[in-house]
């Protein structure tokens, strides 16, 4: 009964809680136990569902013929560069926000649409912080490619979700079903904290990015080992 309980849908939780309490001979009127078990089952099944939703978004390739994809890309530009209009859809201007070439679609290959959705979420919900981080990324000595690093951090957030490292964080954050928004919020935390970390470390050049990225990854994994952890960026 318990084994099956962690694979159930939201609608089945109450029935499953009753079954567990019956099996374990726990008084059905014990509302405290009932509530806690209900929350726990929602969190566990919700984590699995969240991973599947994130994975499905990651599997969607960026499609320049898809109007919604294109709109999100233009929205990213407008949020980060409100004073400057794009001269064309394919332009070197994209490098100003940290893409590698004149067409960003090629940079989304590894993380698919998830990379773009993360970037847009951070820029939309934490606009001043996103512009601040973008400004830092243009530093003459310690600069880095904002969008490329952002997509790289999407991969970090995704891998931490996939291997279960985000469980304590999400369970502490949400007393119920974790949603896609909670994954995006963790991503925002990563971007903001990585920027601070990068400038504190003062790497000799961007050529050492992978070394410092891994050091930051280890730092985050260490923080996530705390069973009371919640890693959020407050706006």
Protein backbone atom coordinates (compact mmCIF):
# COMPACT_ATOMS: atom_id res chain seq x y z
CA UNK A 1 0.00 0.00 0.00
CA UNK A 2 2.81 2.41 0.94
CA UNK A 3 4.82 1.56 -2.17
CA UNK A 4 1.85 2.27 -4.41
CA UNK A 5 1.13 5.49 -2.52
CA UNK A 6 4.13 7.34 -3.95
CA UNK A 7 2.97 6.81 -7.54
CA UNK A 8 -0.57 8.15 -7.27
CA UNK A 9 -2.37 11.12 -8.83
CA UNK A 10 -3.58 14.04 -6.74
CA UNK A 11 -7.20 12.89 -6.90
CA UNK A 12 -6.30 9.53 -5.30
CA UNK A 13 -4.37 10.89 -2.32
CA UNK A 14 -7.20 10.96 0.22
CA UNK A 15 -8.28 7.42 -0.59
CA UNK A 16 -4.68 6.27 -0.38
CA UNK A 17 -4.20 7.96 3.02
CA UNK A 18 -7.25 6.11 4.34
CA UNK A 19 -5.85 2.81 3.03
CA UNK A 20 -2.48 3.39 4.67
CA UNK A 21 -4.08 4.31 8.00
CA UNK A 22 -6.29 1.25 7.84
CA UNK A 23 -3.34 -1.03 6.98
CA UNK A 24 -1.26 0.40 9.83
CA UNK A 25 -4.23 0.42 12.25
CA UNK A 26 -4.04 4.19 12.80
CA UNK A 27 -7.19 5.92 14.04
CA UNK A 28 -8.98 7.51 11.05
CA UNK A 29 -9.83 10.49 13.30
CA UNK A 30 -6.14 11.32 13.81
CA UNK A 31 -6.32 14.49 11.70
CA UNK A 32 -2.70 15.49 12.38
CA UNK A 33 -1.32 12.25 10.97
CA UNK A 34 -3.80 12.32 8.09
CA UNK A 35 -2.83 15.89 7.10
CA UNK A 36 0.92 15.23 7.29
CA UNK A 37 0.70 12.01 5.29
CA UNK A 38 -1.46 13.72 2.69
CA UNK A 39 1.07 16.55 2.28
CA UNK A 40 3.97 14.09 2.08
CA UNK A 41 2.31 11.99 -0.62
CA UNK A 42 1.47 15.10 -2.65
CA UNK A 43 5.07 16.28 -2.39
CA UNK A 44 6.55 12.92 -3.40
CA UNK A 45 4.22 12.29 -6.35
CA UNK A 46 4.42 15.98 -7.28
CA UNK A 47 8.22 15.87 -7.47
CA UNK A 48 8.05 13.01 -9.96
CA UNK A 49 5.43 14.85 -12.02
CA UNK A 50 7.47 18.08 -11.96
CA UNK A 51 10.52 16.24 -13.28
CA UNK A 52 8.46 14.82 -16.15
CA UNK A 53 7.10 18.28 -17.00
CA UNK A 54 10.58 19.82 -16.95
CA UNK A 55 11.94 16.94 -19.05
CA UNK A 56 9.15 17.34 -21.59
CA UNK A 57 9.92 21.05 -21.95
CA UNK A 58 13.62 20.30 -22.32
CA UNK A 59 12.84 17.88 -25.15
CA UNK A 60 11.04 20.57 -27.18
CA UNK A 61 13.58 21.98 -29.66
CA UNK A 62 13.57 25.72 -30.31
CA UNK A 63 11.68 26.23 -33.57
CA UNK A 64 12.08 29.57 -35.36
CA UNK A 65 8.92 28.76 -37.36
CA UNK A 66 6.92 28.52 -34.12
CA UNK A 67 5.32 31.88 -33.39
CA UNK A 68 5.17 31.29 -29.63
CA UNK A 69 8.88 30.43 -29.47
CA UNK A 70 9.77 33.54 -31.45
CA UNK A 71 7.56 35.73 -29.26
CA UNK A 72 9.33 34.48 -26.12
CA UNK A 73 12.72 35.20 -27.66
CA UNK A 74 11.72 38.77 -28.58
CA UNK A 75 10.21 39.18 -25.10
CA UNK A 76 13.60 38.24 -23.59
CA UNK A 77 15.28 40.97 -25.63
CA UNK A 78 12.66 43.58 -24.72
CA UNK A 79 12.89 42.77 -21.01
CA UNK A 80 16.67 43.01 -20.93
CA UNK A 81 17.24 45.79 -23.50
CA UNK A 82 14.16 48.07 -23.31
CA UNK A 83 16.05 51.10 -24.65
CA UNK A 84 17.30 49.34 -27.78
CA UNK A 85 15.24 47.91 -30.63
CA UNK A 86 16.29 44.82 -32.52
CA UNK A 87 17.27 45.83 -36.05
CA UNK A 88 16.44 42.36 -37.38
CA UNK A 89 15.54 38.88 -36.18
CA UNK A 90 18.99 37.62 -37.18
CA UNK A 91 21.53 40.14 -35.97
CA UNK A 92 24.82 40.49 -34.09
CA UNK A 93 22.83 42.40 -31.45
CA UNK A 94 22.00 39.07 -29.79
CA UNK A 95 25.62 38.95 -28.63
CA UNK A 96 24.83 41.99 -26.45
CA UNK A 97 22.80 39.72 -24.15
CA UNK A 98 25.28 36.87 -24.30
CA UNK A 99 24.31 34.64 -27.20
CA UNK A 100 27.15 33.23 -29.29
CA UNK A 101 26.09 34.31 -32.76
CA UNK A 102 23.52 36.24 -34.75
CA UNK A 103 20.74 33.64 -34.29
CA UNK A 104 20.08 32.47 -30.70
CA UNK A 105 18.17 29.37 -31.78
CA UNK A 106 21.43 27.44 -32.18
CA UNK A 107 22.32 28.05 -28.50
CA UNK A 108 19.22 26.29 -27.17
CA UNK A 109 20.13 22.85 -28.53
CA UNK A 110 21.15 21.20 -25.26
CA UNK A 111 18.28 22.39 -23.09
CA UNK A 112 15.64 23.03 -25.75
CA UNK A 113 12.79 25.37 -24.92
CA UNK A 114 13.50 24.98 -21.18
CA UNK A 115 16.58 27.20 -21.52
CA UNK A 116 14.57 30.02 -23.09
CA UNK A 117 11.65 29.71 -20.67
CA UNK A 118 14.08 29.96 -17.73
CA UNK A 119 15.77 33.07 -19.15
CA UNK A 120 12.43 34.75 -19.80
CA UNK A 121 11.10 33.86 -16.33
CA UNK A 122 14.09 35.43 -14.59
CA UNK A 123 13.88 38.55 -16.76
CA UNK A 124 10.13 38.91 -16.25
CA UNK A 125 9.84 38.19 -12.52
CA UNK A 126 13.16 39.63 -11.37
CA UNK A 127 13.69 42.30 -14.02
CA UNK A 128 16.00 44.60 -12.08
CA UNK A 129 18.12 41.65 -10.90
CA UNK A 130 18.32 40.25 -14.45
CA UNK A 131 19.45 43.60 -15.85
CA UNK A 132 21.96 43.91 -13.01
CA UNK A 133 23.42 40.47 -13.76
CA UNK A 134 23.51 41.30 -17.50
CA UNK A 135 25.39 44.51 -16.67
CA UNK A 136 27.90 42.55 -14.57
CA UNK A 137 28.38 40.08 -17.44
CA UNK A 138 29.70 42.93 -19.59
CA UNK A 139 32.55 43.65 -17.15
CA UNK A 140 35.76 44.32 -19.15
CA UNK A 141 37.86 41.85 -17.14
CA UNK A 142 35.43 39.44 -15.45
CA UNK A 143 32.70 39.40 -18.08
CA UNK A 144 30.93 36.29 -19.37
CA UNK A 145 28.22 35.45 -21.91
CA UNK A 146 24.99 36.11 -20.01
CA UNK A 147 22.58 33.96 -22.07
CA UNK A 148 25.03 31.10 -22.61
CA UNK A 149 25.79 30.93 -18.88
CA UNK A 150 22.05 31.15 -18.19
CA UNK A 151 21.40 28.10 -20.39
CA UNK A 152 24.30 26.31 -18.70
CA UNK A 153 22.66 26.97 -15.32
CA UNK A 154 19.39 25.56 -16.69
CA UNK A 155 21.31 22.32 -17.22
CA UNK A 156 22.54 22.50 -13.61
CA UNK A 157 19.03 23.05 -12.22
CA UNK A 158 17.70 20.25 -14.44
CA UNK A 159 20.37 17.76 -13.34
CA UNK A 160 19.80 18.56 -9.65
CA UNK A 161 16.07 17.96 -10.12
CA UNK A 162 16.70 14.75 -12.05
CA UNK A 163 19.01 13.18 -9.46
CA UNK A 164 16.70 14.06 -6.56
CA UNK A 165 18.96 16.69 -4.97
CA UNK A 166 16.14 19.28 -4.98
CA UNK A 167 13.79 17.19 -2.84
CA UNK A 168 14.50 18.82 0.54
CA UNK A 169 14.42 22.31 -1.01
CA UNK A 170 11.09 21.74 -2.75
CA UNK A 171 9.50 19.85 0.14
CA UNK A 172 10.41 22.73 2.50
CA UNK A 173 9.17 25.29 0.02
CA UNK A 174 5.82 23.74 -0.96
CA UNK A 175 3.39 21.92 1.33
CA UNK A 176 1.75 20.16 -1.58
CA UNK A 177 2.45 19.69 -5.26
CA UNK A 178 5.68 21.35 -6.50
CA UNK A 179 4.95 23.27 -9.72
CA UNK A 180 7.00 24.37 -12.73
CA UNK A 181 7.12 27.85 -11.21
CA UNK A 182 9.07 26.50 -8.23
CA UNK A 183 11.67 25.05 -10.59
CA UNK A 184 11.95 28.42 -12.35
CA UNK A 185 12.40 30.15 -8.99
CA UNK A 186 15.27 27.83 -8.09
CA UNK A 187 16.82 28.64 -11.47
CA UNK A 188 16.59 32.37 -10.69
CA UNK A 189 18.42 31.74 -7.42
CA UNK A 190 21.19 29.92 -9.31
CA UNK A 191 21.69 32.72 -11.85
CA UNK A 192 21.83 35.44 -9.21
CA UNK A 193 24.12 33.47 -6.90
CA UNK A 194 26.42 32.35 -9.71
CA UNK A 195 26.98 35.97 -10.72
CA UNK A 196 27.98 36.83 -7.13
CA UNK A 197 30.16 33.71 -6.92
CA UNK A 198 31.93 34.52 -10.20
CA UNK A 199 32.90 38.01 -9.08
CA UNK A 200 33.98 36.82 -5.64
CA UNK A 201 36.24 34.20 -7.22
CA UNK A 202 37.69 36.61 -9.82
CA UNK A 203 38.70 34.01 -12.43
CA UNK A 204 41.67 34.90 -14.63
CA UNK A 205 39.54 34.53 -17.75
CA UNK A 206 36.36 33.02 -19.16
CA UNK A 207 38.52 30.11 -20.32
CA UNK A 208 38.34 28.82 -16.73
CA UNK A 209 34.53 28.80 -16.77
CA UNK A 210 34.09 25.02 -16.48
CA UNK A 211 36.37 24.87 -13.44
CA UNK A 212 34.44 27.57 -11.59
CA UNK A 213 31.10 26.26 -12.75
CA UNK A 214 31.94 22.91 -11.17
CA UNK A 215 33.07 24.61 -7.96
CA UNK A 216 29.75 26.48 -7.82
CA UNK A 217 27.88 23.23 -8.55
CA UNK A 218 29.60 21.54 -5.61
CA UNK A 219 28.72 24.49 -3.38
CA UNK A 220 25.01 24.24 -4.31
CA UNK A 221 25.00 20.45 -3.84
CA UNK A 222 26.46 20.99 -0.37
CA UNK A 223 23.73 23.49 0.54
CA UNK A 224 21.05 21.09 -0.69
CA UNK A 225 22.23 18.39 1.71
CA UNK A 226 20.72 20.38 4.59
CA UNK A 227 17.28 18.88 5.24
CA UNK A 228 15.98 22.33 6.29
CA UNK A 229 17.22 24.10 3.16
CA UNK A 230 15.26 26.54 0.98
CA UNK A 231 17.20 28.33 -1.75
CA UNK A 232 15.13 31.22 -3.02
CA UNK A 233 15.73 34.66 -4.46
CA UNK A 234 13.50 37.22 -2.76
CA UNK A 235 12.15 40.05 -4.92
